[in-house]
Amino acid sequence: MSMNRKQIIEKLKEIFVTADDRNIDLIDNVSDSTHLINDLGLNSVSMLFFMIAAEEEFNIRFSDVGMNDLQTVGDVADYIEEKLK
């Protein structure tokens, strides 16, 4: 699957809404620097749900990374871009 960064972030936004729709207004303005916990308010459960949904969406595994390694949307997009190569 070949996707550019913008497409990856758009898919991530869809997943964020599914994982936690309380902050739908914030999700519209998601950028690389958006912090998953501080800005989007993801907790450990919604973060886990988000990661599982992203694995399914992009057909990847977050096997060599911990939740603490992925702090921002940009971190997640970087990881996904690398996995899709």
C-alpha atoms as a PDB file:
ATOM      1  CA  MET A   1       0.000   0.000   0.000  1.00  0.00           C
ATOM      2  CA  SER A   2       1.522   3.287  -1.059  1.00  0.00           C
ATOM      3  CA  MET A   3       0.274   6.382   0.738  1.00  0.00           C
ATOM      4  CA  ASN A   4       1.654   9.851   1.116  1.00  0.00           C
ATOM      5  CA  ARG A   5       1.930  11.562   4.500  1.00  0.00           C
ATOM      6  CA  LYS A   6      -1.239  13.618   4.014  1.00  0.00           C
ATOM      7  CA  GLN A   7      -3.238  10.450   3.269  1.00  0.00           C
ATOM      8  CA  ILE A   8      -1.768   8.746   6.331  1.00  0.00           C
ATOM      9  CA  ILE A   9      -2.730  11.659   8.591  1.00  0.00           C
ATOM     10  CA  GLU A  10      -6.256  11.755   7.132  1.00  0.00           C
ATOM     11  CA  LYS A  11      -6.658   8.041   7.908  1.00  0.00           C
ATOM     12  CA  LEU A  12      -5.274   8.632  11.409  1.00  0.00           C
ATOM     13  CA  LYS A  13      -7.890  11.351  11.945  1.00  0.00           C
ATOM     14  CA  GLU A  14     -10.634   8.864  11.057  1.00  0.00           C
ATOM     15  CA  ILE A  15      -9.177   6.406  13.547  1.00  0.00           C
ATOM     16  CA  PHE A  16      -8.985   9.086  16.274  1.00  0.00           C
ATOM     17  CA  VAL A  17     -12.696   9.803  15.852  1.00  0.00           C
ATOM     18  CA  THR A  18     -13.449   6.099  16.173  1.00  0.00           C
ATOM     19  CA  ALA A  19     -11.139   5.706  19.185  1.00  0.00           C
ATOM     20  CA  ASP A  20     -12.498   8.725  21.041  1.00  0.00           C
ATOM     21  CA  ASP A  21     -15.114  11.060  19.571  1.00  0.00           C
ATOM     22  CA  ARG A  22     -15.168  13.484  22.526  1.00  0.00           C
ATOM     23  CA  ASN A  23     -12.607  15.757  20.891  1.00  0.00           C
ATOM     24  CA  ILE A  24     -13.958  15.764  17.355  1.00  0.00           C
ATOM     25  CA  ASP A  25     -13.302  19.520  16.955  1.00  0.00           C
ATOM     26  CA  LEU A  26      -9.645  19.057  17.864  1.00  0.00           C
ATOM     27  CA  ILE A  27      -9.285  16.164  15.463  1.00  0.00           C
ATOM     28  CA  ASP A  28     -10.188  18.423  12.526  1.00  0.00           C
ATOM     29  CA  ASN A  29      -7.056  20.464  13.270  1.00  0.00           C
ATOM     30  CA  VAL A  30      -4.658  17.562  13.837  1.00  0.00           C
ATOM     31  CA  SER A  31      -1.101  18.161  12.595  1.00  0.00           C
ATOM     32  CA  ASP A  32       2.274  16.477  12.987  1.00  0.00           C
ATOM     33  CA  SER A  33       2.864  18.308  16.271  1.00  0.00           C
ATOM     34  CA  THR A  34      -0.479  17.332  17.845  1.00  0.00           C
ATOM     35  CA  HIS A  35       0.275  15.458  21.073  1.00  0.00           C
ATOM     36  CA  LEU A  36      -1.756  12.261  21.439  1.00  0.00           C
ATOM     37  CA  ILE A  37      -2.284  12.505  25.188  1.00  0.00           C
ATOM     38  CA  ASN A  38      -1.959  16.213  25.991  1.00  0.00           C
ATOM     39  CA  ASP A  39      -3.830  17.570  22.942  1.00  0.00           C
ATOM     40  CA  LEU A  40      -6.213  14.756  21.982  1.00  0.00           C
ATOM     41  CA  GLY A  41      -6.714  13.448  25.497  1.00  0.00           C
ATOM     42  CA  LEU A  42      -6.149   9.818  24.603  1.00  0.00           C
ATOM     43  CA  ASN A  43      -5.867   7.622  27.680  1.00  0.00           C
ATOM     44  CA  SER A  44      -4.186   4.224  27.819  1.00  0.00           C
ATOM     45  CA  VAL A  45      -7.338   2.403  26.692  1.00  0.00           C
ATOM     46  CA  SER A  46      -8.124   4.732  23.772  1.00  0.00           C
ATOM     47  CA  MET A  47      -4.424   4.744  22.814  1.00  0.00           C
ATOM     48  CA  LEU A  48      -4.418   0.944  22.693  1.00  0.00           C
ATOM     49  CA  PHE A  49      -7.627   0.959  20.639  1.00  0.00           C
ATOM     50  CA  PHE A  50      -6.084   3.558  18.329  1.00  0.00           C
ATOM     51  CA  MET A  51      -2.930   1.485  17.817  1.00  0.00           C
ATOM     52  CA  ILE A  52      -4.915  -1.682  17.077  1.00  0.00           C
ATOM     53  CA  ALA A  53      -7.138   0.188  14.610  1.00  0.00           C
ATOM     54  CA  ALA A  54      -4.065   1.713  12.929  1.00  0.00           C
ATOM     55  CA  GLU A  55      -2.481  -1.732  12.644  1.00  0.00           C
ATOM     56  CA  GLU A  56      -5.584  -3.020  10.892  1.00  0.00           C
ATOM     57  CA  GLU A  57      -5.998   0.055   8.667  1.00  0.00           C
ATOM     58  CA  PHE A  58      -2.392   0.129   7.460  1.00  0.00           C
ATOM     59  CA  ASN A  59      -1.729  -3.628   7.704  1.00  0.00           C
ATOM     60  CA  ILE A  60       1.298  -3.076   9.950  1.00  0.00           C
ATOM     61  CA  ARG A  61       2.324  -4.086  13.487  1.00  0.00           C
ATOM     62  CA  PHE A  62       3.568  -1.770  16.229  1.00  0.00           C
ATOM     63  CA  SER A  63       5.863  -4.594  17.307  1.00  0.00           C
ATOM     64  CA  ASP A  64       9.115  -2.747  17.978  1.00  0.00           C
ATOM     65  CA  VAL A  65       7.729   0.411  19.559  1.00  0.00           C
ATOM     66  CA  GLY A  66       6.165   1.323  22.879  1.00  0.00           C
ATOM     67  CA  MET A  67       3.349   3.741  23.580  1.00  0.00           C
ATOM     68  CA  ASN A  68       5.891   6.164  25.076  1.00  0.00           C
ATOM     69  CA  ASP A  69       7.781   6.229  21.774  1.00  0.00           C
ATOM     70  CA  LEU A  70       4.757   7.654  19.974  1.00  0.00           C
ATOM     71  CA  GLN A  71       4.033  11.031  21.530  1.00  0.00           C
ATOM     72  CA  THR A  72       2.673  13.014  18.567  1.00  0.00           C
ATOM     73  CA  VAL A  73       0.681  12.423  15.403  1.00  0.00           C
ATOM     74  CA  GLY A  74       3.933  13.052  13.521  1.00  0.00           C
ATOM     75  CA  ASP A  75       5.636  10.224  15.452  1.00  0.00           C
ATOM     76  CA  VAL A  76       2.849   7.838  14.442  1.00  0.00           C
ATOM     77  CA  ALA A  77       2.896   9.027  10.811  1.00  0.00           C
ATOM     78  CA  ASP A  78       6.695   8.613  10.678  1.00  0.00           C
ATOM     79  CA  TYR A  79       6.420   5.085  12.029  1.00  0.00           C
ATOM     80  CA  ILE A  80       3.673   4.148   9.563  1.00  0.00           C
ATOM     81  CA  GLU A  81       5.581   5.677   6.627  1.00  0.00           C
ATOM     82  CA  GLU A  82       8.630   3.622   7.577  1.00  0.00           C
ATOM     83  CA  LYS A  83       6.598   0.418   7.889  1.00  0.00           C
ATOM     84  CA  LEU A  84       4.886   0.954   4.517  1.00  0.00           C
ATOM     85  CA  LYS A  85       8.216   1.228   2.640  1.00  0.00           C
END
